[in-house]
Structures are given as C-alpha cells and as structure tokens.
Protein backbone atom coordinates (compact mmCIF):
# COMPACT_ATOMS: atom_id res chain seq x y z
CA MET A 1 36.74 -155.96 155.13
CA LEU A 2 40.31 -155.80 154.08
CA ALA A 3 39.07 -155.72 150.56
CA GLY A 4 37.19 -152.52 151.64
CA ALA A 5 40.49 -150.93 152.96
CA MET A 6 42.09 -151.39 150.00
CA LEU A 7 39.48 -150.09 147.66
CA LEU A 8 39.15 -147.15 150.22
CA ALA A 9 42.77 -146.77 150.07
CA GLY A 10 42.07 -146.81 145.99
CA ARG A 11 39.91 -143.78 145.99
CA GLY A 12 42.44 -141.78 147.49
CA VAL A 13 41.14 -142.13 151.67
CA GLU A 14 43.37 -143.37 154.24
CA ALA A 15 42.40 -145.92 156.10
CA GLN A 16 42.17 -147.18 159.51
CA ILE A 17 41.67 -149.84 162.01
CA VAL A 18 40.26 -149.04 164.94
CA PRO A 19 40.92 -151.19 167.90
CA TYR A 20 37.48 -153.01 169.80
CA PRO A 21 37.62 -150.70 172.95
CA THR A 22 38.69 -152.19 176.10
CA PRO A 23 37.29 -150.98 179.32
CA SER A 24 40.20 -148.82 180.16
CA THR A 25 39.99 -147.18 176.69
CA GLU A 26 36.27 -147.00 177.41
CA MET A 27 36.69 -144.99 180.21
CA THR A 28 39.38 -142.33 179.54
CA THR A 29 36.80 -141.67 176.16
CA SER A 30 33.48 -141.72 177.71
CA ALA A 31 34.80 -139.41 180.82
CA GLY A 32 35.17 -136.60 178.42
CA ARG A 33 31.53 -136.77 176.75
CA ASP A 34 29.21 -134.73 177.23
CA ARG A 35 26.03 -136.15 177.47
CA THR A 36 27.70 -140.10 178.55
CA GLY A 37 28.92 -141.26 182.22
CA THR A 38 30.44 -144.44 182.87
CA VAL A 39 30.36 -146.59 185.88
CA VAL A 40 32.63 -149.45 186.29
CA LEU A 41 31.37 -152.63 187.31
CA ASP A 42 32.87 -155.78 189.17
CA GLY A 43 34.55 -157.75 186.71
CA THR A 44 32.23 -157.00 184.13
CA SER A 45 32.89 -154.04 181.15
CA PRO A 46 31.96 -150.65 181.85
CA ALA A 47 28.53 -149.16 181.46
CA ARG A 48 27.80 -146.11 179.96
CA VAL A 49 24.98 -143.61 181.01
CA VAL A 50 23.61 -141.70 178.44
CA ILE A 51 20.22 -138.86 178.43
CA GLN A 52 18.48 -141.13 175.44
CA GLY A 53 15.40 -138.35 175.15
CA TRP A 54 13.18 -136.40 176.15
CA SER A 55 9.15 -135.67 176.08
CA LEU A 56 6.71 -132.76 177.11
CA GLY A 57 4.92 -133.92 180.06
CA SER A 58 4.46 -137.87 178.58
CA GLU A 59 6.57 -140.55 180.67
CA THR A 60 5.62 -143.47 178.44
CA GLY A 61 8.33 -142.39 176.49
CA PRO A 62 11.04 -139.56 174.45
CA THR A 63 9.22 -137.65 172.04
CA SER A 64 12.43 -136.11 170.87
CA VAL A 65 16.02 -138.12 170.39
CA SER A 66 17.89 -134.56 169.97
CA LEU A 67 20.27 -133.93 172.84
CA GLU A 68 21.88 -130.42 171.06
CA PRO A 69 20.96 -127.91 173.89
CA LEU A 70 17.40 -128.50 174.40
CA VAL A 71 15.52 -124.92 173.82
CA LEU A 72 11.84 -124.85 175.57
CA SER A 73 9.39 -122.31 174.30
CA ALA A 74 7.99 -120.09 176.72
CA GLY A 75 5.15 -121.89 178.69
CA ASN A 76 6.10 -125.76 178.29
CA ARG A 77 6.86 -125.85 182.74
CA ASP A 78 5.91 -129.93 182.08
CA LEU A 79 9.80 -131.76 181.12
CA VAL A 80 10.42 -135.22 181.29
CA ILE A 81 14.32 -136.13 180.84
CA PHE A 82 14.71 -140.26 179.80
CA PHE A 83 18.16 -141.49 180.75
CA GLY A 84 20.01 -144.90 181.21
CA ALA A 85 22.68 -146.99 180.60
CA ALA A 86 23.83 -147.57 177.25
CA GLN A 87 23.98 -151.22 177.15
CA GLU A 88 22.09 -153.82 179.70
CA HIS A 89 23.87 -155.37 182.10
CA ASP A 90 22.80 -157.24 184.81
CA VAL A 91 23.42 -156.00 187.74
CA ASP A 92 21.89 -153.63 189.85
CA LEU A 93 22.30 -149.94 188.50
CA GLU A 94 20.82 -146.80 190.83
CA PHE A 95 20.97 -143.78 188.91
CA ARG A 96 21.07 -140.23 190.30
CA TYR A 97 19.90 -136.76 188.97
CA ARG A 98 19.92 -133.18 189.15
CA LEU A 99 19.32 -129.99 186.94
CA THR A 100 21.93 -127.50 188.02
CA GLY A 101 19.84 -124.45 188.76
CA TYR A 102 16.58 -125.74 189.99
CA ASP A 103 17.46 -129.13 192.03
CA PRO A 104 19.11 -127.90 195.50
CA ASP A 105 20.63 -131.64 195.21
CA TRP A 106 20.99 -135.08 193.76
CA THR A 107 17.80 -137.10 193.44
CA VAL A 108 18.59 -140.89 193.70
CA THR A 109 16.50 -143.49 191.93
CA ARG A 110 16.41 -146.63 190.23
CA SER A 111 13.70 -145.58 186.90
CA LYS A 112 15.39 -143.99 184.01
CA LEU A 113 13.73 -140.54 184.37
CA ALA A 114 13.47 -137.08 186.11
CA HIS A 115 10.01 -135.72 185.49
CA TYR A 116 9.79 -132.24 186.27
CA ARG A 117 6.32 -130.45 186.90
CA ARG A 118 7.04 -126.44 187.45
CA LEU A 119 9.81 -125.25 185.55
CA GLY A 120 10.19 -122.36 185.63
CA PRO A 121 12.22 -119.76 182.70
CA GLY A 122 16.10 -119.86 182.77
CA HIS A 123 19.27 -121.79 181.86
CA PHE A 124 19.90 -125.22 183.15
CA GLU A 125 21.74 -128.36 183.13
CA MET A 126 20.68 -131.81 183.16
CA GLU A 127 23.46 -134.12 185.06
CA VAL A 128 23.28 -138.06 185.09
CA GLU A 129 25.42 -140.38 187.19
CA ALA A 130 25.22 -144.69 187.86
CA ARG A 131 26.99 -146.74 189.99
CA GLN A 132 26.24 -150.86 191.01
CA ALA A 133 23.50 -150.49 193.92
CA GLY A 134 25.86 -149.95 197.04
CA GLY A 135 29.32 -148.66 195.41
CA GLN A 136 30.37 -145.28 194.64
CA TRP A 137 29.58 -142.62 192.40
CA PRO A 138 32.36 -142.55 189.81
CA GLY A 139 32.38 -138.53 189.37
CA THR A 140 31.65 -138.74 185.55
CA ALA A 141 28.48 -137.39 184.38
CA ALA A 142 25.65 -137.51 181.22
CA THR A 143 24.81 -133.96 180.54
CA LEU A 144 22.50 -132.06 178.57
CA LYS A 145 21.86 -128.46 178.64
CA VAL A 146 17.86 -127.59 178.77
CA VAL A 147 16.61 -123.37 178.00
CA GLN A 148 13.43 -122.54 179.34
CA ARG A 149 12.33 -119.51 177.46
CA ARG A 150 10.88 -116.42 179.20
CA PHE A 151 7.26 -114.93 177.79
CA PHE A 152 7.04 -111.54 177.09
CA TYR A 153 6.31 -109.91 179.85
CA GLN A 154 9.47 -111.27 181.65
CA THR A 155 11.92 -110.18 180.00
CA TRP A 156 13.99 -107.51 181.22
CA TYR A 157 13.12 -105.14 178.47
CA PHE A 158 9.38 -105.84 179.20
CA TYR A 159 10.46 -103.99 182.82
CA VAL A 160 12.10 -101.32 181.00
CA LEU A 161 9.68 -100.51 178.69
CA VAL A 162 6.97 -100.70 181.73
CA GLY A 163 9.39 -98.27 183.33
CA VAL A 164 9.79 -96.30 180.38
CA GLY A 165 6.17 -96.19 180.04
CA MET A 166 4.98 -95.83 183.55
CA VAL A 167 7.38 -92.07 183.16
CA LEU A 168 5.84 -91.24 180.10
CA LEU A 169 2.47 -91.61 181.46
CA GLY A 170 3.46 -89.58 185.27
CA THR A 171 5.13 -87.13 183.28
CA GLN A 172 1.90 -86.64 181.04
CA LEU A 173 -0.38 -86.51 184.43
CA LEU A 174 1.61 -83.98 185.82
CA SER A 175 2.24 -81.82 182.43
CA GLN A 176 -2.19 -82.37 182.55
CA ARG A 177 -2.38 -81.41 186.28
CA ASP A 178 -0.44 -78.09 185.91
CA GLN A 179 -2.68 -77.10 182.76
CA LEU A 180 -5.52 -77.47 184.85
CA LEU A 181 -4.48 -76.03 187.99
CA LYS A 182 -3.23 -72.88 186.01
CA GLY A 183 -6.44 -72.82 184.17
CA GLU A 184 -8.55 -72.94 187.29
CA MET A 185 -6.35 -70.32 188.90
CA GLY A 186 -6.68 -67.76 185.94
CA ILE A 187 -10.23 -68.33 186.15
CA VAL A 188 -10.31 -67.65 190.03
CA LEU A 189 -8.09 -65.04 189.70
CA GLU A 190 -9.98 -63.09 187.36
CA GLU A 191 -13.00 -63.89 189.57
CA ARG A 192 -11.27 -61.80 192.26
CA ASN A 193 -10.40 -59.43 190.70
CA ARG A 194 -13.37 -58.48 189.16
CA ILE A 195 -15.00 -59.52 192.99
CA ALA A 196 -13.00 -55.84 194.08
CA SER A 197 -13.33 -54.24 190.87
CA ASP A 198 -17.45 -54.09 192.24
CA CYS A 199 -16.64 -53.51 195.66
CA HIS A 200 -14.81 -51.08 195.15
CA ASP A 201 -17.09 -49.73 192.17
CA THR A 202 -19.99 -50.13 194.90
CA LEU A 203 -19.72 -51.09 198.47
CA MET A 204 -16.97 -48.73 199.16
CA ALA A 205 -19.08 -45.54 196.80
CA GLY A 206 -21.91 -46.67 199.32
CA PHE A 207 -19.75 -46.81 202.18
CA ALA A 208 -18.02 -43.43 201.57
CA ALA A 209 -21.07 -41.87 201.24
CA ILE A 210 -23.29 -42.74 204.40
CA SER A 211 -19.87 -41.84 206.11
CA TRP A 212 -20.97 -38.44 204.42
CA GLN A 213 -23.74 -38.37 205.74
CA LEU A 214 -23.06 -39.30 208.91
CA GLU A 215 -20.62 -36.67 209.01
CA ALA A 216 -22.98 -34.10 208.04
CA THR A 217 -25.48 -35.12 210.66
CA ALA A 218 -23.00 -35.09 213.31
CA LYS A 219 -22.09 -31.66 212.87
CA LEU A 220 -25.88 -30.36 212.88
CA PHE A 221 -25.64 -31.64 216.12
CA ARG A 222 -22.07 -29.96 217.23
CA ASP A 223 -23.52 -26.84 215.97
CA THR A 224 -26.19 -26.95 217.56
CA HIS A 225 -25.11 -28.07 220.67
CA ALA A 226 -27.25 -31.81 220.68
CA ASP A 227 -23.81 -33.55 220.54
CA LEU A 228 -25.06 -35.34 223.73
CA THR A 229 -28.41 -36.13 223.13
CA PRO A 230 -28.90 -39.96 222.79
CA ALA A 231 -29.65 -38.71 218.72
CA ALA A 232 -26.58 -38.13 218.35
CA LYS A 233 -24.72 -40.62 219.99
CA SER A 234 -26.52 -43.11 217.72
CA CYS A 235 -25.34 -41.18 214.88
CA GLU A 236 -21.91 -41.89 216.47
CA LEU A 237 -22.36 -45.32 216.81
CA ALA A 238 -23.23 -45.33 213.20
CA ARG A 239 -20.39 -43.40 212.06
CA SER A 240 -18.17 -46.28 213.90
CA MET A 241 -19.64 -48.95 211.91
CA VAL A 242 -19.88 -47.49 208.79
CA SER A 243 -15.85 -46.76 209.64
CA HIS A 244 -15.11 -50.44 210.79
CA CYS A 245 -16.89 -51.76 207.45
CA GLN A 246 -15.01 -49.18 205.21
CA ALA A 247 -11.60 -51.10 207.16
CA GLU A 248 -12.60 -54.52 206.63
CA ALA A 249 -14.16 -53.91 203.14
CA ARG A 250 -10.52 -51.75 202.21
CA ARG A 251 -8.59 -55.31 203.60
CA ILE A 252 -10.85 -58.12 201.45
CA ILE A 253 -10.29 -55.61 198.48
CA TRP A 254 -6.80 -55.41 198.95
CA ASP A 255 -6.26 -59.42 199.78
CA LEU A 256 -8.22 -59.90 196.55
CA ARG A 257 -6.16 -58.27 194.14
CA ASP A 258 -2.69 -59.52 195.97
CA THR A 259 -1.80 -62.11 194.45
CA GLU A 260 1.69 -62.44 196.81
CA GLU A 261 -0.52 -63.47 199.57
CA LEU A 262 -0.55 -67.05 198.37
CA THR A 263 2.06 -68.51 200.76
CA ASP A 264 2.70 -71.24 203.40
CA ASN A 265 5.45 -68.70 204.89
CA LEU A 266 3.31 -66.52 207.86
CA SER A 267 6.50 -64.56 208.98
CA GLN A 268 6.94 -63.48 205.02
CA ALA A 269 3.29 -62.88 204.97
CA LEU A 270 3.26 -60.99 208.30
CA THR A 271 6.70 -59.17 207.13
CA ARG A 272 4.82 -58.03 204.06
CA ALA A 273 1.93 -56.53 205.73
CA LEU A 274 3.62 -54.57 208.26
CA ALA A 275 5.48 -52.92 205.75
CA THR A 276 2.36 -52.10 203.84
CA HIS A 277 0.36 -51.21 206.95
CA ARG A 278 0.05 -47.21 207.55
CA THR A 279 2.02 -46.84 210.86
CA ARG A 280 2.51 -43.01 212.45
CA GLU A 281 6.12 -42.27 212.41
CA THR A 282 6.26 -41.60 216.14
CA ILE A 283 5.19 -45.55 216.43
CA GLU A 284 7.80 -48.18 216.78
CA THR A 285 7.21 -51.48 215.43
CA THR A 286 9.63 -54.70 215.91
CA PHE A 287 8.57 -57.85 214.26
CA GLU A 288 10.42 -61.24 215.98
CA VAL A 289 9.82 -64.75 215.12
CA TYR A 290 11.16 -67.62 217.57
CA GLY A 291 11.49 -71.08 216.46
CA ASP A 292 11.65 -73.26 213.85
CA GLU A 293 9.51 -71.89 210.95
CA THR A 294 6.65 -74.76 210.10
CA PRO A 295 4.58 -74.14 206.52
CA ILE A 296 0.96 -73.69 207.28
CA ALA A 297 -2.31 -73.99 205.03
CA PRO A 298 -2.41 -70.26 202.59
CA GLY A 299 -5.82 -69.92 204.20
CA ALA A 300 -4.58 -69.98 207.89
CA VAL A 301 -1.93 -67.63 207.08
CA HIS A 302 -4.54 -65.30 205.99
CA HIS A 303 -6.64 -65.56 208.46
CA LEU A 304 -3.57 -65.02 211.20
CA VAL A 305 -2.24 -62.02 209.17
CA CYS A 306 -5.57 -60.50 209.37
CA ILE A 307 -6.12 -60.97 213.23
CA GLY A 308 -2.13 -58.90 213.65
CA GLN A 309 -3.64 -56.17 210.48
CA GLU A 310 -6.74 -55.70 213.26
CA ALA A 311 -4.81 -55.31 216.60
CA ILE A 312 -2.44 -53.68 215.19
CA THR A 313 -4.98 -51.16 213.78
CA ASN A 314 -6.10 -50.99 217.38
CA ALA A 315 -2.84 -50.05 218.65
CA VAL A 316 -2.48 -47.30 216.79
CA ARG A 317 -6.08 -45.67 216.55
CA HIS A 318 -7.60 -46.55 220.03
CA ALA A 319 -4.63 -47.14 222.39
CA LYS A 320 -2.42 -43.75 221.51
CA ALA A 321 0.37 -46.30 221.44
CA THR A 322 4.62 -45.57 221.08
CA ASN A 323 5.60 -49.23 220.33
CA ILE A 324 4.19 -51.76 219.27
CA HIS A 325 5.90 -55.63 219.55
CA ILE A 326 4.98 -58.76 217.25
CA ALA A 327 6.28 -61.88 218.33
CA LEU A 328 5.80 -65.52 216.45
CA ARG A 329 6.63 -68.46 218.09
CA PHE A 330 7.02 -71.56 216.17
CA GLY A 331 6.85 -75.03 218.90
CA THR A 332 6.83 -78.47 218.12
CA ASP A 333 2.82 -78.96 217.66
CA SER A 334 1.45 -75.25 217.81
CA LEU A 335 1.99 -71.86 216.90
CA ASN A 336 1.62 -68.53 218.84
CA LEU A 337 1.38 -64.84 217.73
CA SER A 338 0.78 -62.19 219.93
CA VAL A 339 0.57 -58.14 219.70
CA LYS A 340 1.19 -55.98 222.03
CA ASP A 341 1.16 -52.15 223.05
CA ASP A 342 2.28 -49.76 225.67
CA GLY A 343 -0.97 -47.77 225.12
CA SER A 344 -3.74 -46.81 227.06
CA GLY A 345 -5.29 -49.88 227.41
CA PHE A 346 -8.55 -50.79 229.02
CA HIS A 347 -10.78 -52.82 231.06
CA VAL A 348 -11.69 -55.98 229.38
CA SER A 349 -14.93 -56.84 231.71
CA ASP A 350 -16.07 -52.89 230.87
CA ALA A 351 -18.36 -53.54 227.57
CA SER A 352 -18.85 -50.14 227.15
CA THR A 353 -15.57 -49.68 226.09
CA ARG A 354 -16.32 -52.16 222.62
CA THR A 355 -19.48 -50.12 222.18
CA GLY A 356 -19.61 -49.54 218.20
CA HIS A 357 -16.31 -51.54 217.67
CA PHE A 358 -16.20 -54.54 216.29
CA GLY A 359 -12.03 -55.93 215.61
CA ILE A 360 -11.94 -57.59 218.56
CA PRO A 361 -15.53 -59.73 217.68
CA VAL A 362 -13.36 -60.30 214.37
CA MET A 363 -10.35 -61.41 215.43
CA GLN A 364 -12.32 -64.00 217.64
CA GLU A 365 -13.88 -65.45 214.81
CA ARG A 366 -10.91 -65.84 212.52
CA ALA A 367 -9.37 -67.45 215.61
CA ARG A 368 -12.12 -70.05 215.86
CA LYS A 369 -12.59 -70.66 212.46
CA LEU A 370 -8.80 -71.96 212.78
CA GLY A 371 -9.83 -73.95 216.23
CA GLY A 372 -7.24 -72.04 218.53
CA ALA A 373 -7.65 -69.83 220.94
CA LEU A 374 -7.84 -65.86 221.17
CA ARG A 375 -6.31 -64.07 224.48
CA LEU A 376 -6.87 -60.75 225.56
CA THR A 377 -4.75 -58.92 228.09
CA SER A 378 -5.08 -55.19 229.17
CA SER A 379 -5.43 -53.02 231.78
CA ALA A 380 -5.48 -49.23 232.08
CA GLN A 381 -2.59 -47.23 231.58
CA VAL A 382 0.17 -50.39 230.74
CA GLY A 383 -1.17 -51.53 227.68
CA THR A 384 -2.61 -54.14 225.57
CA GLU A 385 -1.46 -57.83 224.38
CA VAL A 386 -3.31 -59.61 221.69
CA ALA A 387 -2.22 -63.08 221.18
CA VAL A 388 -3.85 -66.29 219.12
CA THR A 389 -2.21 -69.79 219.28
CA VAL A 390 -3.11 -72.34 216.99
CA SER A 391 -2.01 -76.19 216.87
CA PHE A 392 -0.93 -77.59 213.35
CA GLN A 393 -3.69 -80.54 214.28
CA ALA A 394 -6.51 -78.25 214.06
CA ILE A 395 -5.01 -75.76 210.78
CA ASP A 396 -4.46 -78.92 209.12
CA ARG A 397 -8.46 -80.11 209.99
CA SER A 398 -10.08 -76.50 209.27
CA SER A 399 -8.08 -76.45 206.32
CA LYS A 400 -9.75 -79.68 204.87
CA GLN A 401 -13.25 -79.08 205.89
CA ARG A 402 -13.28 -76.23 203.77
CA ASP A 403 -14.73 -76.70 200.34
CA VAL A 404 -12.63 -74.00 198.72
CA VAL A 405 -9.25 -74.05 196.17
CA PRO A 406 -6.64 -74.37 199.39
CA TRP A 407 -4.22 -71.46 197.37
CA ILE A 408 -6.78 -68.80 197.31
CA GLY A 409 -6.30 -67.59 200.95
CA VAL A 410 -9.40 -67.28 202.21
C-alpha cells in the first residue's frame, strides 16, 4: 500500500490515507446520503439501509440497480422496489417505507420489497427506514425519486387542444347553422312574396270584380224599389261576405310581405299594427301595457295581433266608437289582451246581429289555436269589449305542435 502511495505521488497525484470508518463517522456520513439510511444497533456497528434496485412486476429480484431518478414510461403501473441493509446482521430488523404522493402513511414490514400495482402518473419519492425490532425509528431514510409519465391524453396540453378543437368545432357548426337558416329564410321569404303577389294579382282582382257586380245588382234593387225582397237581402249578405274576404285577403298579403312581423315582442307588434291601422281622426285610440313583458313565439304574436286588429276594425266599422282602449296585461303564467270601445254595442245573444259577419268566429278560432279563450262582452249603447286570455304554457305547446318554421309568424 505504501508503494502504491509512493507511485501515485511520483505521478503528481496527491495520496490520501482514508481511515476505516467508525460507527460515529458512519452515522454522520450516511445521514447525508440520498438513498441510504442508518440504524444503530445495540452494541454493534450501524446498519445502512439501501435501495437495492427495482423491477416491473417481478418480485424475484431487481432487474435494474440504477438509482438515478426512476422514470417510468406511460402504462407501467406495476412497480417493485427492493431494499435492505447494506451489511448482514444477526439482529432482527424491521423496515418501513412510503411512497410520498401515493401512500397516505408508512407501511411497516419485515420483507425487503414494496410492490405497487396501480401506480398512476405523477412525481413520487420512495423513503425507506430500518430499526431493530421494537426499537426507535432513526429518522433518516434511503430515498429514490420516481416519475411515472402520463399518456398523451392525460397531459394538460391535450386538454387544451381538445378545448380549442371543441371551440373551433362549435364555431364551425354555428356558422353552418346560421348559413343554413339564412338560406331557408331566404327561400321562405321569396315564396311568401310570390304567394302575396299571386294573391294580389288574382284573388284580390277576383274579389274586386265580384264586389262590383254585387254593387251593381244592389243598385238595380234600389232603383226598382225591391231592396227589401229576399233576393236583395241575399245580395247584401253576399256583398258583406265579399267585403270581409277582401279585408282578410289584404291582411294576409300584408303579413306575407311584412318581414318586420317576425318578432317575439307582442307590445311592439301591436304598436306597429296600430300605427298602420287606418282609423278616423275623430276616434281616440290608447294602448297600455301592464306588467313585465314576456317574449312569446312569433306565431302567437301574429294571432294575437290579428285578433286585436279585427276587434279594432269592428269597433270602427260597426260600433261607431269614439274611444278605443287596448290593454295588454302580463301575469306570472298568462297574458290578457283586451280591446274596449264606447260604441253602440249589440246584444251578444242576438244571432241576427252576426248574420253576414265572420270577424267574431275568426277571432275565436285564432284564440282556440293558441289554447286560449276569447271573451266577448257587449250591450246596446254601452260598448263592446273583446278580451283573449292565453297561458304561456299553452303558447309553448301550440308553437311546438305546428310543423312550420317557427319564425315565419303564421
């Protein structure tokens, strides 16, 4: 040994003589190591705890003794870690271990391995301590860092990519849906205009010709003083029927061409209808809204506006009213639309007053389609009130039952 030291000195390397470690020096040096721990045995040399290696699923022995930070590829969930004393001793040793980040507490064992069968992705640290059976744990542990890699679908950037992809896909689907709806709306509006033009050119012209003929026939009856004959009364009834059909046809044509009618705001639609409705200058019309307005289906808006227009038309044409009050009331579960005038009124039970007039049956039919109820109150020289009450639930149910595009408004 001395010759070896002299030889190294001759080569320019400083020689050192390292003393044999004593129990105290061994305790001091081993306590600062990463993968070894020390336990002092009564009357014997200290025993160092070492992590001897690891394997993937095999308990027969370590397949790798590399004690660098252990990096496991994704999917390797079955890990066995081997440990023990650096030197054999005659005393009975106990070990305890825990995998920080996985084990909730220490596990005490006399075997020299730890088997983990369902290790998930993450960063862990294996700690092992040893003691003489029944003694105190030294507080120093052999350690080994363990890293379990994640699958690509378990990484954070995968979720970011999925989120971005979902946003892009949703944007694309919404864009396609908007384009499809615009195309369908364009087709429907074009068809509405075509139907309106055809009705105006053919149906309205036919009604006008029939009305002129009936007017000429009525004039002949008046000239011959036969206006009280049954034939004259039938002619007058036919004139009334044609006049009503002309008014309904004009309203339908207006609705087909009026694209602004597509709204779910009933008060706005009624205001627009009142602005376009022709009333005499001597008639004062008021419109009031009570409660918080609830949007409803455009089809329901159309029917309610038509009921209001028909009630106003009857008040102007037949009742000779001077004041018309329109009230729209919104409740928690229903709405009420009423049109009240101070005209001449009539007896509701008198069927002769309805002969040749179809406004009331049409209003009742529209209310029935909405699932509501129409109430007609009138008396002679007092006035007439037309009120329709519809629940929001009935409006939703009726709008879902109609197999039409919901924004057409019919």
